[in-house]
Amino acid sequence: MSAPGAIIGRNARFTVYINGADVRITLRPGQMLSHHWGHATDEGYDSGSDTWKHEGDHISWQWGTDGRDCDGRLSHGGESTATELTGNRVENYSEPDSDYPVWQSLHSYQHDYRAEAAGY
């Protein structure tokens, strides 16, 4: 018998934090969902994207952000995977004790374009 939040070839239901609130997502096996956002700021812009995919026995999550301000351009992102869709208690968001997937980071990156141009 599998754990209550485990994925085994069935619909995957999990919670993510988007635009200041918890959002419940349901994905069928093989289904993918993307969310993109962006806005101007007082010094430049902020933008980002998230893509979740039901891989049959786990959920993959690819994410990235890009922005520019007075210090220059900065981008970062990565990819994570989750086999357990509940169990990650997060107390700092709007919903008390929100329950999120237990994400395992596969890789991540960060680019500080000004620092890289300066040779750091």
C-alpha atoms as a PDB file:
ATOM      1  CA  MET A   1       0.000   0.000   0.000  1.00  0.00           C
ATOM      2  CA  SER A   2       1.316   3.442  -0.885  1.00  0.00           C
ATOM      3  CA  ALA A   3       1.504   6.549   1.251  1.00  0.00           C
ATOM      4  CA  PRO A   4      -1.531   8.896   1.071  1.00  0.00           C
ATOM      5  CA  GLY A   5       0.318  11.546  -0.941  1.00  0.00           C
ATOM      6  CA  ALA A   6       2.150   9.121  -3.254  1.00  0.00           C
ATOM      7  CA  ILE A   7       1.772   9.078  -7.041  1.00  0.00           C
ATOM      8  CA  ILE A   8       1.287   5.751  -8.763  1.00  0.00           C
ATOM      9  CA  GLY A   9      -0.148   6.298 -12.237  1.00  0.00           C
ATOM     10  CA  ARG A  10      -3.222   8.154 -11.004  1.00  0.00           C
ATOM     11  CA  ASN A  11      -4.337  11.780 -11.020  1.00  0.00           C
ATOM     12  CA  ALA A  12      -1.933  13.885  -9.000  1.00  0.00           C
ATOM     13  CA  ARG A  13      -3.404  16.614  -6.780  1.00  0.00           C
ATOM     14  CA  PHE A  14      -1.064  19.046  -5.072  1.00  0.00           C
ATOM     15  CA  THR A  15      -0.844  22.608  -3.782  1.00  0.00           C
ATOM     16  CA  VAL A  16       1.463  25.369  -5.021  1.00  0.00           C
ATOM     17  CA  TYR A  17       1.819  29.027  -4.065  1.00  0.00           C
ATOM     18  CA  ILE A  18       0.966  31.425  -6.927  1.00  0.00           C
ATOM     19  CA  ASN A  19       0.311  35.180  -6.823  1.00  0.00           C
ATOM     20  CA  GLY A  20      -0.005  35.298  -3.050  1.00  0.00           C
ATOM     21  CA  ALA A  21      -2.346  32.332  -2.537  1.00  0.00           C
ATOM     22  CA  ASP A  22      -2.457  28.557  -2.426  1.00  0.00           C
ATOM     23  CA  VAL A  23      -3.592  27.007  -5.708  1.00  0.00           C
ATOM     24  CA  ARG A  24      -4.690  23.372  -6.000  1.00  0.00           C
ATOM     25  CA  ILE A  25      -3.506  21.633  -9.193  1.00  0.00           C
ATOM     26  CA  THR A  26      -4.726  18.333 -10.602  1.00  0.00           C
ATOM     27  CA  LEU A  27      -2.746  16.615 -13.372  1.00  0.00           C
ATOM     28  CA  ARG A  28      -3.596  13.394 -15.198  1.00  0.00           C
ATOM     29  CA  PRO A  29      -0.705  11.042 -16.072  1.00  0.00           C
ATOM     30  CA  GLY A  30       1.266  12.644 -18.934  1.00  0.00           C
ATOM     31  CA  GLN A  31      -0.409  16.045 -18.518  1.00  0.00           C
ATOM     32  CA  MET A  32       1.609  19.273 -18.230  1.00  0.00           C
ATOM     33  CA  LEU A  33       0.603  22.706 -16.907  1.00  0.00           C
ATOM     34  CA  SER A  34       2.546  25.970 -17.234  1.00  0.00           C
ATOM     35  CA  HIS A  35       2.101  29.301 -15.482  1.00  0.00           C
ATOM     36  CA  HIS A  36       3.873  32.450 -16.681  1.00  0.00           C
ATOM     37  CA  TRP A  37       3.920  35.881 -15.069  1.00  0.00           C
ATOM     38  CA  GLY A  38       5.622  39.213 -15.485  1.00  0.00           C
ATOM     39  CA  HIS A  39       5.310  42.849 -14.555  1.00  0.00           C
ATOM     40  CA  ALA A  40       7.161  46.132 -14.664  1.00  0.00           C
ATOM     41  CA  THR A  41       8.803  47.363 -11.472  1.00  0.00           C
ATOM     42  CA  ASP A  42       9.964  50.818 -10.444  1.00  0.00           C
ATOM     43  CA  GLU A  43      13.515  49.874 -11.577  1.00  0.00           C
ATOM     44  CA  GLY A  44      12.919  47.400 -14.420  1.00  0.00           C
ATOM     45  CA  TYR A  45      10.957  44.161 -14.617  1.00  0.00           C
ATOM     46  CA  ASP A  46      10.270  40.781 -12.995  1.00  0.00           C
ATOM     47  CA  SER A  47       9.102  37.697 -14.855  1.00  0.00           C
ATOM     48  CA  GLY A  48       8.975  33.975 -14.357  1.00  0.00           C
ATOM     49  CA  SER A  49       7.468  30.664 -15.261  1.00  0.00           C
ATOM     50  CA  ASP A  50       6.613  27.344 -13.666  1.00  0.00           C
ATOM     51  CA  THR A  51       5.880  24.089 -15.485  1.00  0.00           C
ATOM     52  CA  TRP A  52       4.612  20.966 -13.733  1.00  0.00           C
ATOM     53  CA  LYS A  53       4.338  17.574 -15.470  1.00  0.00           C
ATOM     54  CA  HIS A  54       2.853  14.288 -14.294  1.00  0.00           C
ATOM     55  CA  GLU A  55       5.521  11.727 -15.188  1.00  0.00           C
ATOM     56  CA  GLY A  56       3.532   8.648 -14.071  1.00  0.00           C
ATOM     57  CA  ASP A  57       5.315   7.990 -10.791  1.00  0.00           C
ATOM     58  CA  HIS A  58       6.401  11.539  -9.918  1.00  0.00           C
ATOM     59  CA  ILE A  59       5.762  15.207 -10.681  1.00  0.00           C
ATOM     60  CA  SER A  60       8.496  17.259 -12.314  1.00  0.00           C
ATOM     61  CA  TRP A  61       8.680  21.024 -11.785  1.00  0.00           C
ATOM     62  CA  GLN A  62      10.759  23.349 -13.934  1.00  0.00           C
ATOM     63  CA  TRP A  63      10.920  26.967 -12.829  1.00  0.00           C
ATOM     64  CA  GLY A  64      12.746  30.116 -13.719  1.00  0.00           C
ATOM     65  CA  THR A  65      12.751  33.839 -13.016  1.00  0.00           C
ATOM     66  CA  ASP A  66      14.328  36.765 -14.792  1.00  0.00           C
ATOM     67  CA  GLY A  67      14.519  40.398 -13.765  1.00  0.00           C
ATOM     68  CA  ARG A  68      16.327  43.659 -14.050  1.00  0.00           C
ATOM     69  CA  ASP A  69      16.769  46.478 -11.541  1.00  0.00           C
ATOM     70  CA  CYS A  70      19.334  49.172 -10.742  1.00  0.00           C
ATOM     71  CA  ASP A  71      21.930  46.451 -10.060  1.00  0.00           C
ATOM     72  CA  GLY A  72      21.464  44.818 -13.486  1.00  0.00           C
ATOM     73  CA  ARG A  73      19.911  41.598 -14.708  1.00  0.00           C
ATOM     74  CA  LEU A  74      19.559  38.489 -12.542  1.00  0.00           C
ATOM     75  CA  SER A  75      18.002  35.169 -13.488  1.00  0.00           C
ATOM     76  CA  HIS A  76      17.709  31.855 -11.721  1.00  0.00           C
ATOM     77  CA  GLY A  77      15.811  28.609 -12.041  1.00  0.00           C
ATOM     78  CA  GLY A  78      15.972  24.882 -11.780  1.00  0.00           C
ATOM     79  CA  GLU A  79      14.206  21.575 -11.846  1.00  0.00           C
ATOM     80  CA  SER A  80      12.779  19.541  -8.981  1.00  0.00           C
ATOM     81  CA  THR A  81      10.817  16.332  -8.609  1.00  0.00           C
ATOM     82  CA  ALA A  82       8.301  15.050  -6.064  1.00  0.00           C
ATOM     83  CA  THR A  83       6.949  11.585  -5.376  1.00  0.00           C
ATOM     84  CA  GLU A  84       5.118  12.668  -2.218  1.00  0.00           C
ATOM     85  CA  LEU A  85       2.471  15.328  -2.833  1.00  0.00           C
ATOM     86  CA  THR A  86       1.923  16.195   0.820  1.00  0.00           C
ATOM     87  CA  GLY A  87       4.149  16.464   3.841  1.00  0.00           C
ATOM     88  CA  ASN A  88       5.988  19.742   3.316  1.00  0.00           C
ATOM     89  CA  ARG A  89       4.530  22.117   5.911  1.00  0.00           C
ATOM     90  CA  VAL A  90       5.138  25.770   5.055  1.00  0.00           C
ATOM     91  CA  GLU A  91       4.176  28.332   7.685  1.00  0.00           C
ATOM     92  CA  ASN A  92       5.292  31.568   6.005  1.00  0.00           C
ATOM     93  CA  TYR A  93       2.631  31.761   3.284  1.00  0.00           C
ATOM     94  CA  SER A  94      -0.923  33.090   3.477  1.00  0.00           C
ATOM     95  CA  GLU A  95      -2.550  29.802   4.471  1.00  0.00           C
ATOM     96  CA  PRO A  96      -1.508  28.600   7.915  1.00  0.00           C
ATOM     97  CA  ASP A  97       0.326  25.276   7.866  1.00  0.00           C
ATOM     98  CA  SER A  98      -0.098  24.817   4.124  1.00  0.00           C
ATOM     99  CA  ASP A  99       0.782  21.329   2.909  1.00  0.00           C
ATOM    100  CA  TYR A 100       2.943  21.236  -0.246  1.00  0.00           C
ATOM    101  CA  PRO A 101       4.781  18.507  -2.176  1.00  0.00           C
ATOM    102  CA  VAL A 102       8.151  17.387  -0.855  1.00  0.00           C
ATOM    103  CA  TRP A 103      10.355  18.685  -3.697  1.00  0.00           C
ATOM    104  CA  GLN A 104      13.816  17.233  -4.319  1.00  0.00           C
ATOM    105  CA  SER A 105      16.092  19.558  -6.296  1.00  0.00           C
ATOM    106  CA  LEU A 106      17.681  17.994  -9.381  1.00  0.00           C
ATOM    107  CA  HIS A 107      19.628  21.080 -10.425  1.00  0.00           C
ATOM    108  CA  SER A 108      19.499  24.861 -10.199  1.00  0.00           C
ATOM    109  CA  TYR A 109      21.272  27.848 -11.689  1.00  0.00           C
ATOM    110  CA  GLN A 110      21.742  31.548 -11.083  1.00  0.00           C
ATOM    111  CA  HIS A 111      23.128  34.198 -13.408  1.00  0.00           C
ATOM    112  CA  ASP A 112      24.144  37.636 -12.190  1.00  0.00           C
ATOM    113  CA  TYR A 113      24.899  39.163 -15.570  1.00  0.00           C
ATOM    114  CA  ARG A 114      26.730  42.223 -14.235  1.00  0.00           C
ATOM    115  CA  ALA A 115      28.984  40.144 -11.976  1.00  0.00           C
ATOM    116  CA  GLU A 116      29.712  37.688 -14.797  1.00  0.00           C
ATOM    117  CA  ALA A 117      30.626  40.559 -17.156  1.00  0.00           C
ATOM    118  CA  ALA A 118      33.016  41.838 -14.482  1.00  0.00           C
ATOM    119  CA  GLY A 119      34.685  38.429 -14.301  1.00  0.00           C
ATOM    120  CA  TYR A 120      33.305  37.205 -10.953  1.00  0.00           C
END
